[in-house]
Amino acid sequence: MRISAISNIRLESYLFTQEAFAVARARLKPGGLFVLYNQYRWPWLVNKIAATAEDVFGAPPVIVQDGVTTVIVAGGPASGAIVDRSGFERLASDDWPFVYMKEPAVHWLYIGMIVMFLGVSILAVRVLAPAGTLARPEYSFFFRLFGDSCGSFSLTFRPLERGKHGGEDLEPEVLLVA
């Protein structure tokens, strides 16, 4: 899948979805290992990523913590303790790729910012716009702006064809995701 660079989607989140882990598993040789390492900030996030690996690979992954760095190993002969799933509500998927959220919700800060910007905009138009401006809105300008924005910020999805990404298909022994 290719996504436009101007799309403003946090692509990192898609690395931790069930579908991404399934793609990684499909590319491993028999007995191959899938290894993730990072400095995950919260224990619930480590458990959420480990639970995703457990669901996809069929066995609890090995979790190794060294200071602030956490290593998660799944696949092959790796098998660890059962993952605690109490700190989060839903695993990340391509339909809901928000690995850094405990449960589906809209944060109060986003709602507050929308209300603030809306209020400031209304106040600015009332105070700064010439008299009669609001009585004759220019809808064609809005539709042109909206059309340009949709065209400029559109996503381009195109599946990668096997063997078309710079050489032979890769079947790594170990996949590392940092």
N, C-alpha and C. Protein backbone atom coordinates (compact mmCIF):
# COMPACT_ATOMS: atom_id res chain seq x y z
N MET A 1 0.85 -1.16 0.00
CA MET A 1 0.00 0.00 0.00
C MET A 1 0.90 1.22 0.00
N ARG A 2 0.60 2.18 -0.83
CA ARG A 2 1.32 3.44 -0.84
C ARG A 2 0.38 4.53 -0.37
N ILE A 3 0.90 5.41 0.46
CA ILE A 3 0.10 6.51 0.97
C ILE A 3 0.84 7.80 0.67
N SER A 4 0.12 8.79 0.23
CA SER A 4 0.71 10.07 -0.11
C SER A 4 1.42 10.67 1.09
N ALA A 5 2.55 11.33 0.85
CA ALA A 5 3.33 11.93 1.92
C ALA A 5 2.60 13.10 2.56
N ILE A 6 1.65 13.69 1.87
CA ILE A 6 0.94 14.84 2.43
C ILE A 6 -0.36 14.45 3.11
N SER A 7 -0.56 13.18 3.37
CA SER A 7 -1.83 12.72 3.91
C SER A 7 -1.97 12.96 5.41
N ASN A 8 -0.86 13.17 6.12
CA ASN A 8 -0.87 13.47 7.54
C ASN A 8 -1.42 12.31 8.38
N ILE A 9 -1.24 11.09 7.94
CA ILE A 9 -1.62 9.93 8.73
C ILE A 9 -0.38 9.46 9.47
N ARG A 10 -0.54 9.10 10.74
CA ARG A 10 0.59 8.62 11.52
C ARG A 10 0.84 7.16 11.12
N LEU A 11 1.76 6.99 10.17
CA LEU A 11 1.99 5.67 9.60
C LEU A 11 2.51 4.67 10.62
N GLU A 12 3.21 5.15 11.64
CA GLU A 12 3.74 4.26 12.66
C GLU A 12 2.64 3.41 13.29
N SER A 13 1.47 3.97 13.44
CA SER A 13 0.37 3.23 14.06
C SER A 13 0.00 1.99 13.25
N TYR A 14 0.13 2.06 11.94
CA TYR A 14 -0.20 0.91 11.09
C TYR A 14 0.80 -0.23 11.21
N LEU A 15 1.97 0.02 11.80
CA LEU A 15 2.94 -1.06 12.01
C LEU A 15 2.51 -2.00 13.13
N PHE A 16 1.61 -1.54 14.00
CA PHE A 16 1.23 -2.31 15.16
C PHE A 16 -0.18 -2.89 15.06
N THR A 17 -0.72 -2.99 13.85
CA THR A 17 -2.07 -3.55 13.68
C THR A 17 -1.99 -5.06 13.52
N GLN A 18 -3.13 -5.70 13.73
CA GLN A 18 -3.20 -7.15 13.55
C GLN A 18 -2.84 -7.54 12.11
N GLU A 19 -3.30 -6.74 11.16
CA GLU A 19 -3.03 -7.05 9.75
C GLU A 19 -1.54 -6.92 9.42
N ALA A 20 -0.87 -5.92 10.00
CA ALA A 20 0.57 -5.75 9.76
C ALA A 20 1.35 -6.92 10.35
N PHE A 21 0.97 -7.35 11.54
CA PHE A 21 1.63 -8.50 12.15
C PHE A 21 1.39 -9.76 11.31
N ALA A 22 0.19 -9.90 10.75
CA ALA A 22 -0.12 -11.06 9.91
C ALA A 22 0.73 -11.05 8.64
N VAL A 23 0.95 -9.88 8.06
CA VAL A 23 1.81 -9.77 6.88
C VAL A 23 3.24 -10.17 7.25
N ALA A 24 3.71 -9.69 8.39
CA ALA A 24 5.06 -10.06 8.84
C ALA A 24 5.16 -11.56 9.06
N ARG A 25 4.16 -12.14 9.68
CA ARG A 25 4.16 -13.60 9.93
C ARG A 25 4.20 -14.38 8.61
N ALA A 26 3.44 -13.91 7.62
CA ALA A 26 3.40 -14.60 6.33
C ALA A 26 4.75 -14.54 5.61
N ARG A 27 5.54 -13.52 5.90
CA ARG A 27 6.84 -13.37 5.23
C ARG A 27 7.97 -14.12 5.93
N LEU A 28 7.72 -14.61 7.13
CA LEU A 28 8.76 -15.34 7.86
C LEU A 28 8.94 -16.75 7.31
N LYS A 29 10.17 -17.22 7.34
CA LYS A 29 10.43 -18.63 7.04
C LYS A 29 9.88 -19.46 8.20
N PRO A 30 9.64 -20.75 7.97
CA PRO A 30 9.20 -21.61 9.09
C PRO A 30 10.20 -21.53 10.25
N GLY A 31 9.69 -21.28 11.43
CA GLY A 31 10.55 -21.16 12.60
C GLY A 31 11.16 -19.78 12.78
N GLY A 32 10.87 -18.85 11.85
CA GLY A 32 11.42 -17.49 11.94
C GLY A 32 10.81 -16.71 13.09
N LEU A 33 11.52 -15.69 13.54
CA LEU A 33 11.08 -14.87 14.67
C LEU A 33 10.71 -13.46 14.23
N PHE A 34 9.71 -12.91 14.87
CA PHE A 34 9.29 -11.52 14.69
C PHE A 34 9.69 -10.78 15.95
N VAL A 35 10.54 -9.77 15.81
CA VAL A 35 11.09 -9.06 16.96
C VAL A 35 10.74 -7.58 16.87
N LEU A 36 10.16 -7.05 17.94
CA LEU A 36 9.89 -5.61 18.06
C LEU A 36 10.67 -5.10 19.26
N TYR A 37 11.24 -3.93 19.13
CA TYR A 37 11.87 -3.31 20.29
C TYR A 37 11.68 -1.81 20.22
N ASN A 38 11.49 -1.23 21.39
CA ASN A 38 11.27 0.20 21.47
C ASN A 38 11.28 0.59 22.94
N GLN A 39 11.16 1.87 23.18
CA GLN A 39 11.04 2.37 24.55
C GLN A 39 9.57 2.74 24.76
N TYR A 40 8.75 1.73 24.94
CA TYR A 40 7.32 1.93 25.13
C TYR A 40 7.11 2.59 26.49
N ARG A 41 6.29 3.62 26.53
CA ARG A 41 6.14 4.44 27.75
C ARG A 41 5.29 3.81 28.82
N TRP A 42 4.31 3.01 28.43
CA TRP A 42 3.34 2.53 29.41
C TRP A 42 3.26 1.01 29.37
N PRO A 43 3.12 0.38 30.54
CA PRO A 43 2.99 -1.08 30.58
C PRO A 43 1.77 -1.57 29.78
N TRP A 44 0.65 -0.85 29.80
CA TRP A 44 -0.52 -1.28 29.04
C TRP A 44 -0.24 -1.31 27.55
N LEU A 45 0.64 -0.41 27.05
CA LEU A 45 0.98 -0.39 25.63
C LEU A 45 1.81 -1.62 25.26
N VAL A 46 2.74 -1.99 26.12
CA VAL A 46 3.52 -3.22 25.90
C VAL A 46 2.57 -4.41 25.85
N ASN A 47 1.62 -4.47 26.78
CA ASN A 47 0.65 -5.57 26.81
C ASN A 47 -0.25 -5.57 25.58
N LYS A 48 -0.62 -4.39 25.10
CA LYS A 48 -1.48 -4.30 23.92
C LYS A 48 -0.76 -4.82 22.68
N ILE A 49 0.49 -4.43 22.51
CA ILE A 49 1.28 -4.90 21.36
C ILE A 49 1.55 -6.40 21.49
N ALA A 50 1.86 -6.85 22.70
CA ALA A 50 2.10 -8.27 22.94
C ALA A 50 0.82 -9.09 22.70
N ALA A 51 -0.33 -8.55 23.09
CA ALA A 51 -1.61 -9.25 22.86
C ALA A 51 -1.90 -9.36 21.37
N THR A 52 -1.55 -8.34 20.61
CA THR A 52 -1.72 -8.40 19.16
C THR A 52 -0.84 -9.51 18.58
N ALA A 53 0.41 -9.57 19.04
CA ALA A 53 1.32 -10.63 18.58
C ALA A 53 0.80 -12.00 19.00
N GLU A 54 0.25 -12.11 20.20
CA GLU A 54 -0.30 -13.38 20.68
C GLU A 54 -1.47 -13.83 19.79
N ASP A 55 -2.35 -12.91 19.44
CA ASP A 55 -3.49 -13.25 18.58
C ASP A 55 -3.04 -13.70 17.20
N VAL A 56 -2.06 -13.02 16.64
CA VAL A 56 -1.62 -13.31 15.27
C VAL A 56 -0.74 -14.55 15.21
N PHE A 57 0.17 -14.71 16.16
CA PHE A 57 1.12 -15.82 16.10
C PHE A 57 0.64 -17.06 16.84
N GLY A 58 -0.46 -16.93 17.59
CA GLY A 58 -1.06 -18.10 18.23
C GLY A 58 -0.44 -18.52 19.54
N ALA A 59 0.54 -17.77 20.05
CA ALA A 59 1.17 -18.09 21.33
C ALA A 59 1.64 -16.78 21.96
N PRO A 60 1.65 -16.73 23.28
CA PRO A 60 2.13 -15.50 23.93
C PRO A 60 3.59 -15.23 23.57
N PRO A 61 3.92 -13.99 23.24
CA PRO A 61 5.30 -13.67 22.90
C PRO A 61 6.18 -13.58 24.14
N VAL A 62 7.47 -13.65 23.92
CA VAL A 62 8.44 -13.44 25.00
C VAL A 62 8.64 -11.93 25.12
N ILE A 63 8.54 -11.41 26.33
CA ILE A 63 8.74 -9.98 26.58
C ILE A 63 9.97 -9.82 27.47
N VAL A 64 10.96 -9.08 26.97
CA VAL A 64 12.19 -8.84 27.72
C VAL A 64 12.32 -7.34 27.93
N GLN A 65 12.49 -6.92 29.18
CA GLN A 65 12.67 -5.51 29.47
C GLN A 65 14.07 -5.28 30.03
N ASP A 66 14.76 -4.31 29.43
CA ASP A 66 16.11 -3.94 29.86
C ASP A 66 16.12 -2.44 30.06
N GLY A 67 15.91 -2.02 31.30
CA GLY A 67 15.79 -0.60 31.58
C GLY A 67 14.52 -0.06 30.96
N VAL A 68 14.65 0.95 30.09
CA VAL A 68 13.48 1.52 29.45
C VAL A 68 13.15 0.85 28.13
N THR A 69 14.01 -0.02 27.66
CA THR A 69 13.80 -0.69 26.38
C THR A 69 13.08 -2.02 26.58
N THR A 70 12.08 -2.25 25.74
CA THR A 70 11.32 -3.49 25.78
C THR A 70 11.48 -4.21 24.45
N VAL A 71 11.73 -5.51 24.51
CA VAL A 71 11.85 -6.35 23.33
C VAL A 71 10.71 -7.37 23.38
N ILE A 72 9.98 -7.49 22.28
CA ILE A 72 8.88 -8.46 22.16
C ILE A 72 9.25 -9.42 21.04
N VAL A 73 9.29 -10.72 21.35
CA VAL A 73 9.67 -11.74 20.37
C VAL A 73 8.51 -12.71 20.20
N ALA A 74 8.07 -12.87 18.94
CA ALA A 74 6.94 -13.77 18.65
C ALA A 74 7.32 -14.69 17.50
N GLY A 75 6.60 -15.79 17.39
CA GLY A 75 6.83 -16.73 16.30
C GLY A 75 7.86 -17.77 16.66
N GLY A 76 8.07 -18.71 15.75
CA GLY A 76 9.06 -19.76 15.95
C GLY A 76 8.84 -20.48 17.27
N PRO A 77 9.94 -20.79 17.94
CA PRO A 77 9.82 -21.49 19.22
C PRO A 77 9.54 -20.55 20.40
N ALA A 78 9.46 -19.24 20.16
CA ALA A 78 9.26 -18.28 21.24
C ALA A 78 7.87 -18.40 21.85
N SER A 79 7.82 -18.51 23.17
CA SER A 79 6.55 -18.55 23.86
C SER A 79 6.77 -18.04 25.27
N GLY A 80 5.98 -17.05 25.67
CA GLY A 80 6.14 -16.43 26.98
C GLY A 80 4.91 -16.63 27.83
N ALA A 81 4.79 -15.76 28.84
CA ALA A 81 3.65 -15.81 29.75
C ALA A 81 2.41 -15.20 29.09
N ILE A 82 1.25 -15.57 29.58
CA ILE A 82 -0.01 -15.04 29.05
C ILE A 82 -0.05 -13.53 29.29
N VAL A 83 -0.52 -12.80 28.29
CA VAL A 83 -0.51 -11.34 28.31
C VAL A 83 -1.71 -10.81 29.08
N ASP A 84 -1.46 -9.80 29.93
CA ASP A 84 -2.53 -9.13 30.67
C ASP A 84 -3.26 -8.18 29.73
N ARG A 85 -4.55 -8.42 29.53
CA ARG A 85 -5.36 -7.61 28.60
C ARG A 85 -6.29 -6.64 29.32
N SER A 86 -6.03 -6.36 30.59
CA SER A 86 -6.95 -5.53 31.36
C SER A 86 -6.73 -4.03 31.18
N GLY A 87 -5.60 -3.59 30.63
CA GLY A 87 -5.29 -2.17 30.56
C GLY A 87 -5.78 -1.46 29.31
N PHE A 88 -6.43 -2.19 28.40
CA PHE A 88 -6.90 -1.58 27.15
C PHE A 88 -8.18 -2.28 26.72
N GLU A 89 -8.92 -1.61 25.84
CA GLU A 89 -10.23 -2.14 25.44
C GLU A 89 -10.21 -2.87 24.11
N ARG A 90 -9.35 -2.42 23.19
CA ARG A 90 -9.41 -2.94 21.81
C ARG A 90 -8.01 -2.99 21.21
N LEU A 91 -7.73 -4.05 20.44
CA LEU A 91 -6.46 -4.14 19.72
C LEU A 91 -6.51 -3.28 18.47
N ALA A 92 -5.34 -2.82 18.04
CA ALA A 92 -5.26 -2.00 16.83
C ALA A 92 -5.47 -2.87 15.59
N SER A 93 -6.23 -2.33 14.63
CA SER A 93 -6.43 -3.00 13.35
C SER A 93 -6.36 -1.94 12.26
N ASP A 94 -6.37 -2.37 11.01
CA ASP A 94 -6.34 -1.40 9.92
C ASP A 94 -7.58 -0.51 9.93
N ASP A 95 -8.68 -1.01 10.48
CA ASP A 95 -9.90 -0.21 10.58
C ASP A 95 -9.87 0.75 11.77
N TRP A 96 -9.06 0.45 12.77
CA TRP A 96 -8.93 1.29 13.97
C TRP A 96 -7.46 1.22 14.40
N PRO A 97 -6.55 1.97 13.75
CA PRO A 97 -5.11 1.81 13.96
C PRO A 97 -4.54 2.61 15.13
N PHE A 98 -5.33 2.89 16.13
CA PHE A 98 -4.89 3.76 17.21
C PHE A 98 -4.26 2.96 18.34
N VAL A 99 -3.03 2.55 18.14
CA VAL A 99 -2.34 1.70 19.11
C VAL A 99 -2.10 2.46 20.41
N TYR A 100 -2.00 3.77 20.36
CA TYR A 100 -1.69 4.55 21.55
C TYR A 100 -2.93 4.97 22.35
N MET A 101 -4.09 4.45 22.00
CA MET A 101 -5.32 4.76 22.75
C MET A 101 -5.78 3.52 23.50
N LYS A 102 -6.15 3.70 24.77
CA LYS A 102 -6.65 2.58 25.56
C LYS A 102 -8.02 2.13 25.12
N GLU A 103 -8.89 3.08 24.80
CA GLU A 103 -10.24 2.74 24.34
C GLU A 103 -10.67 3.76 23.29
N PRO A 104 -11.61 3.37 22.42
CA PRO A 104 -12.09 4.30 21.40
C PRO A 104 -12.78 5.50 22.06
N ALA A 105 -12.29 6.68 21.78
CA ALA A 105 -12.87 7.90 22.35
C ALA A 105 -12.29 9.11 21.64
N VAL A 106 -12.95 10.23 21.80
CA VAL A 106 -12.40 11.51 21.34
C VAL A 106 -11.97 12.25 22.60
N HIS A 107 -10.70 12.61 22.66
CA HIS A 107 -10.15 13.27 23.85
C HIS A 107 -10.81 14.62 24.06
N TRP A 108 -11.03 14.99 25.30
CA TRP A 108 -11.69 16.26 25.62
C TRP A 108 -10.90 17.45 25.08
N LEU A 109 -9.59 17.31 24.98
CA LEU A 109 -8.77 18.41 24.49
C LEU A 109 -9.09 18.74 23.03
N TYR A 110 -9.33 17.70 22.20
CA TYR A 110 -9.70 17.94 20.81
C TYR A 110 -11.03 18.68 20.70
N ILE A 111 -11.99 18.24 21.49
CA ILE A 111 -13.30 18.89 21.47
C ILE A 111 -13.17 20.34 21.94
N GLY A 112 -12.37 20.56 23.00
CA GLY A 112 -12.14 21.91 23.50
C GLY A 112 -11.49 22.81 22.46
N MET A 113 -10.52 22.26 21.72
CA MET A 113 -9.84 23.06 20.69
C MET A 113 -10.79 23.40 19.54
N ILE A 114 -11.63 22.47 19.16
CA ILE A 114 -12.61 22.74 18.09
C ILE A 114 -13.57 23.84 18.53
N VAL A 115 -14.08 23.76 19.75
CA VAL A 115 -14.99 24.78 20.27
C VAL A 115 -14.28 26.13 20.34
N MET A 116 -13.02 26.13 20.80
CA MET A 116 -12.27 27.38 20.90
C MET A 116 -12.08 28.03 19.53
N PHE A 117 -11.62 27.23 18.53
CA PHE A 117 -11.41 27.78 17.19
C PHE A 117 -12.72 28.25 16.56
N LEU A 118 -13.78 27.51 16.77
CA LEU A 118 -15.08 27.91 16.25
C LEU A 118 -15.51 29.24 16.88
N GLY A 119 -15.37 29.36 18.19
CA GLY A 119 -15.73 30.60 18.88
C GLY A 119 -14.90 31.79 18.43
N VAL A 120 -13.58 31.61 18.32
CA VAL A 120 -12.70 32.69 17.86
C VAL A 120 -13.04 33.07 16.42
N SER A 121 -13.34 32.09 15.58
CA SER A 121 -13.69 32.37 14.19
C SER A 121 -14.98 33.17 14.09
N ILE A 122 -15.98 32.77 14.83
CA ILE A 122 -17.26 33.50 14.82
C ILE A 122 -17.06 34.91 15.32
N LEU A 123 -16.32 35.07 16.41
CA LEU A 123 -16.05 36.39 16.96
C LEU A 123 -15.28 37.26 15.97
N ALA A 124 -14.26 36.68 15.31
CA ALA A 124 -13.46 37.43 14.35
C ALA A 124 -14.30 37.88 13.16
N VAL A 125 -15.17 37.01 12.67
CA VAL A 125 -16.03 37.38 11.54
C VAL A 125 -16.99 38.49 11.97
N ARG A 126 -17.58 38.37 13.16
CA ARG A 126 -18.53 39.39 13.63
C ARG A 126 -17.86 40.74 13.82
N VAL A 127 -16.61 40.74 14.30
CA VAL A 127 -15.92 41.99 14.62
C VAL A 127 -15.19 42.57 13.41
N LEU A 128 -14.52 41.72 12.64
CA LEU A 128 -13.62 42.20 11.59
C LEU A 128 -14.24 42.26 10.19
N ALA A 129 -15.28 41.49 9.94
CA ALA A 129 -15.87 41.46 8.59
C ALA A 129 -16.64 42.75 8.33
N PRO A 130 -16.56 43.24 7.09
CA PRO A 130 -17.34 44.44 6.75
C PRO A 130 -18.84 44.17 6.91
N ALA A 131 -19.58 45.21 7.17
CA ALA A 131 -21.03 45.09 7.37
C ALA A 131 -21.68 44.45 6.15
N GLY A 132 -22.58 43.52 6.37
CA GLY A 132 -23.30 42.88 5.28
C GLY A 132 -22.60 41.67 4.68
N THR A 133 -21.38 41.36 5.15
CA THR A 133 -20.63 40.23 4.58
C THR A 133 -21.37 38.91 4.81
N LEU A 134 -21.92 38.74 5.98
CA LEU A 134 -22.59 37.49 6.30
C LEU A 134 -23.94 37.36 5.61
N ALA A 135 -24.48 38.47 5.11
CA ALA A 135 -25.77 38.43 4.43
C ALA A 135 -25.65 37.87 3.02
N ARG A 136 -24.46 37.90 2.44
CA ARG A 136 -24.26 37.40 1.07
C ARG A 136 -23.04 36.44 1.03
N PRO A 137 -23.24 35.24 1.55
CA PRO A 137 -22.12 34.29 1.56
C PRO A 137 -21.72 33.86 0.14
N GLU A 138 -20.46 33.56 -0.03
CA GLU A 138 -19.90 33.16 -1.33
C GLU A 138 -19.69 31.65 -1.30
N TYR A 139 -20.73 30.88 -1.67
CA TYR A 139 -20.67 29.42 -1.61
C TYR A 139 -19.70 28.84 -2.62
N SER A 140 -19.56 29.46 -3.78
CA SER A 140 -18.67 28.90 -4.78
C SER A 140 -17.22 28.89 -4.29
N PHE A 141 -16.84 29.90 -3.50
CA PHE A 141 -15.50 29.92 -2.93
C PHE A 141 -15.29 28.72 -2.00
N PHE A 142 -16.30 28.46 -1.16
CA PHE A 142 -16.22 27.32 -0.24
C PHE A 142 -16.03 26.02 -1.00
N PHE A 143 -16.83 25.81 -2.06
CA PHE A 143 -16.74 24.56 -2.79
C PHE A 143 -15.42 24.43 -3.54
N ARG A 144 -14.88 25.54 -4.04
CA ARG A 144 -13.56 25.49 -4.68
C ARG A 144 -12.49 25.14 -3.66
N LEU A 145 -12.55 25.77 -2.49
CA LEU A 145 -11.57 25.51 -1.44
C LEU A 145 -11.68 24.05 -0.97
N PHE A 146 -12.90 23.58 -0.77
CA PHE A 146 -13.13 22.22 -0.33
C PHE A 146 -12.63 21.22 -1.38
N GLY A 147 -12.92 21.48 -2.65
CA GLY A 147 -12.46 20.60 -3.73
C GLY A 147 -10.95 20.55 -3.82
N ASP A 148 -10.30 21.72 -3.72
CA ASP A 148 -8.84 21.76 -3.73
C ASP A 148 -8.25 20.99 -2.57
N SER A 149 -8.84 21.16 -1.38
CA SER A 149 -8.34 20.47 -0.20
C SER A 149 -8.47 18.96 -0.35
N CYS A 150 -9.62 18.52 -0.84
CA CYS A 150 -9.82 17.08 -1.03
C CYS A 150 -8.84 16.53 -2.05
N GLY A 151 -8.62 17.28 -3.11
CA GLY A 151 -7.67 16.82 -4.13
C GLY A 151 -6.25 16.82 -3.63
N SER A 152 -5.87 17.84 -2.87
CA SER A 152 -4.50 17.96 -2.39
C SER A 152 -4.18 16.96 -1.29
N PHE A 153 -5.16 16.67 -0.45
CA PHE A 153 -4.89 15.82 0.70
C PHE A 153 -5.42 14.39 0.52
N SER A 154 -5.74 14.04 -0.70
CA SER A 154 -6.27 12.70 -0.93
C SER A 154 -5.18 11.65 -0.75
N LEU A 155 -5.60 10.47 -0.42
CA LEU A 155 -4.67 9.36 -0.24
C LEU A 155 -4.63 8.54 -1.52
N THR A 156 -3.47 8.04 -1.81
CA THR A 156 -3.33 7.18 -2.97
C THR A 156 -2.98 5.79 -2.46
N PHE A 157 -3.92 4.87 -2.56
CA PHE A 157 -3.69 3.50 -2.12
C PHE A 157 -3.41 2.65 -3.35
N ARG A 158 -2.33 1.94 -3.33
CA ARG A 158 -2.01 1.03 -4.42
C ARG A 158 -1.27 -0.15 -3.82
N PRO A 159 -1.80 -1.33 -3.92
CA PRO A 159 -1.10 -2.48 -3.34
C PRO A 159 0.22 -2.74 -4.06
N LEU A 160 1.22 -3.10 -3.28
CA LEU A 160 2.50 -3.47 -3.88
C LEU A 160 2.37 -4.83 -4.54
N GLU A 161 2.94 -4.97 -5.70
CA GLU A 161 2.89 -6.25 -6.39
C GLU A 161 4.10 -7.07 -5.94
N ARG A 162 3.89 -8.35 -5.77
CA ARG A 162 4.99 -9.22 -5.33
C ARG A 162 6.10 -9.19 -6.35
N GLY A 163 7.31 -9.07 -5.87
CA GLY A 163 8.48 -9.06 -6.74
C GLY A 163 8.73 -7.72 -7.40
N LYS A 164 7.93 -6.70 -7.10
CA LYS A 164 8.07 -5.40 -7.76
C LYS A 164 8.69 -4.34 -6.84
N HIS A 165 9.26 -4.75 -5.71
CA HIS A 165 9.80 -3.75 -4.80
C HIS A 165 11.33 -3.87 -4.70
N GLY A 166 11.97 -3.83 -5.85
CA GLY A 166 13.43 -3.75 -5.86
C GLY A 166 14.14 -5.08 -5.87
N GLY A 167 13.53 -6.14 -6.27
CA GLY A 167 14.25 -7.41 -6.31
C GLY A 167 13.36 -8.57 -5.94
N GLU A 168 13.99 -9.62 -5.46
CA GLU A 168 13.27 -10.83 -5.10
C GLU A 168 12.40 -10.59 -3.87
N ASP A 169 11.37 -11.42 -3.73
CA ASP A 169 10.57 -11.36 -2.50
C ASP A 169 11.44 -11.73 -1.33
N LEU A 170 11.29 -10.97 -0.27
CA LEU A 170 12.10 -11.22 0.92
C LEU A 170 11.41 -12.23 1.82
N GLU A 171 12.16 -13.17 2.31
CA GLU A 171 11.67 -14.09 3.32
C GLU A 171 12.67 -14.08 4.47
N PRO A 172 12.62 -13.05 5.29
CA PRO A 172 13.64 -12.91 6.33
C PRO A 172 13.51 -13.95 7.42
N GLU A 173 14.63 -14.28 8.00
CA GLU A 173 14.65 -15.19 9.14
C GLU A 173 14.08 -14.47 10.37
N VAL A 174 14.42 -13.19 10.50
CA VAL A 174 13.95 -12.38 11.63
C VAL A 174 13.54 -11.02 11.11
N LEU A 175 12.36 -10.52 11.49
CA LEU A 175 11.94 -9.17 11.13
C LEU A 175 12.11 -8.29 12.35
N LEU A 176 12.77 -7.17 12.20
CA LEU A 176 12.93 -6.21 13.30
C LEU A 176 12.10 -4.99 13.01
N VAL A 177 11.33 -4.55 13.98
CA VAL A 177 10.55 -3.32 13.87
C VAL A 177 10.95 -2.44 15.02
N ALA A 178 11.52 -1.28 14.73
CA ALA A 178 11.95 -0.38 15.81
C ALA A 178 10.94 0.71 16.01
